[in-house]
Amino acid sequence: MQTEEFELTAVDREILAIARKHPAWSGLVDALVRERLGMTSAAFYQRLVFLSRQRAAIEHDPMTTRMVREWRRR
């Protein structure tokens, strides 16, 4: 977990919301990410993994960040 100052952006909160609502990592998520955020699925997942280690994101959405960290350990 990162200890330096980090503030969630509106996009970061949206990334966490999408991951929380659609945890199956399916093609549906890829299309939703392109449509709502205008980013590739690779960029989405890279940012999601980064967020899962940030204190601000963990405090904002502990369940989703934990799910991502556990998914990464597999």
Protein backbone atom coordinates (compact mmCIF):
# COMPACT_ATOMS: atom_id res chain seq x y z
CA MET A 1 0.00 0.00 0.00
CA GLN A 2 1.23 3.49 -0.85
CA THR A 3 1.73 5.99 1.94
CA GLU A 4 2.30 9.15 -0.08
CA GLU A 5 -0.51 11.63 -0.71
CA PHE A 6 -2.88 10.60 -3.46
CA GLU A 7 -6.34 11.95 -4.28
CA LEU A 8 -8.91 10.03 -6.25
CA THR A 9 -10.11 11.70 -9.42
CA ALA A 10 -13.62 11.41 -10.81
CA VAL A 11 -12.25 8.88 -13.33
CA ASP A 12 -10.65 6.85 -10.52
CA ARG A 13 -14.00 6.71 -8.69
CA GLU A 14 -15.72 5.64 -11.90
CA ILE A 15 -13.13 2.90 -12.46
CA LEU A 16 -13.80 1.56 -8.97
CA ALA A 17 -17.56 1.77 -9.50
CA ILE A 18 -17.37 -0.19 -12.76
CA ALA A 19 -15.15 -2.84 -11.16
CA ARG A 20 -17.53 -3.11 -8.20
CA LYS A 21 -20.64 -3.44 -10.38
CA HIS A 22 -19.09 -5.76 -12.99
CA PRO A 23 -16.47 -7.92 -11.25
CA ALA A 24 -16.49 -10.68 -13.88
CA TRP A 25 -13.87 -8.95 -16.09
CA SER A 26 -15.93 -9.73 -19.16
CA GLY A 27 -16.30 -8.27 -22.63
CA LEU A 28 -19.20 -6.25 -21.21
CA VAL A 29 -16.76 -4.42 -18.96
CA ASP A 30 -14.45 -3.73 -21.91
CA ALA A 31 -17.27 -2.15 -23.92
CA LEU A 32 -18.49 -0.17 -20.91
CA VAL A 33 -15.01 1.17 -20.21
CA ARG A 34 -14.58 2.28 -23.82
CA GLU A 35 -18.01 3.91 -23.84
CA ARG A 36 -17.96 5.65 -20.43
CA LEU A 37 -14.28 6.40 -19.94
CA GLY A 38 -12.85 6.39 -23.46
CA MET A 39 -9.98 4.14 -22.43
CA THR A 40 -8.77 0.73 -23.47
CA SER A 41 -9.41 -2.26 -21.27
CA ALA A 42 -5.65 -2.58 -20.70
CA ALA A 43 -5.46 1.01 -19.40
CA PHE A 44 -8.53 0.38 -17.23
CA TYR A 45 -7.06 -2.73 -15.61
CA GLN A 46 -3.64 -1.10 -15.13
CA ARG A 47 -5.25 1.85 -13.36
CA LEU A 48 -7.49 -0.48 -11.33
CA VAL A 49 -4.48 -2.47 -10.08
CA PHE A 50 -2.68 0.78 -9.25
CA LEU A 51 -5.74 2.05 -7.37
CA SER A 52 -6.03 -1.19 -5.39
CA ARG A 53 -2.77 -0.23 -3.63
CA GLN A 54 -3.64 3.40 -2.89
CA ARG A 55 -4.83 4.35 0.60
CA ALA A 56 -7.41 6.83 -0.77
CA ALA A 57 -8.96 4.16 -2.99
CA ILE A 58 -8.92 1.56 -0.21
CA GLU A 59 -10.73 3.97 2.11
CA HIS A 60 -13.19 4.91 -0.65
CA ASP A 61 -14.00 1.33 -1.71
CA PRO A 62 -12.36 -1.29 0.52
CA MET A 63 -14.35 -4.21 -0.87
CA THR A 64 -13.44 -3.62 -4.52
CA THR A 65 -9.79 -2.86 -3.82
CA ARG A 66 -9.50 -6.04 -1.75
CA MET A 67 -11.14 -8.06 -4.53
CA VAL A 68 -8.62 -6.69 -7.04
CA ARG A 69 -5.65 -7.43 -4.78
CA GLU A 70 -6.87 -10.99 -4.24
CA TRP A 71 -7.48 -11.44 -7.97
CA ARG A 72 -3.88 -10.31 -8.63
CA ARG A 73 -2.48 -12.89 -6.20
CA ARG A 74 -3.98 -15.81 -8.13
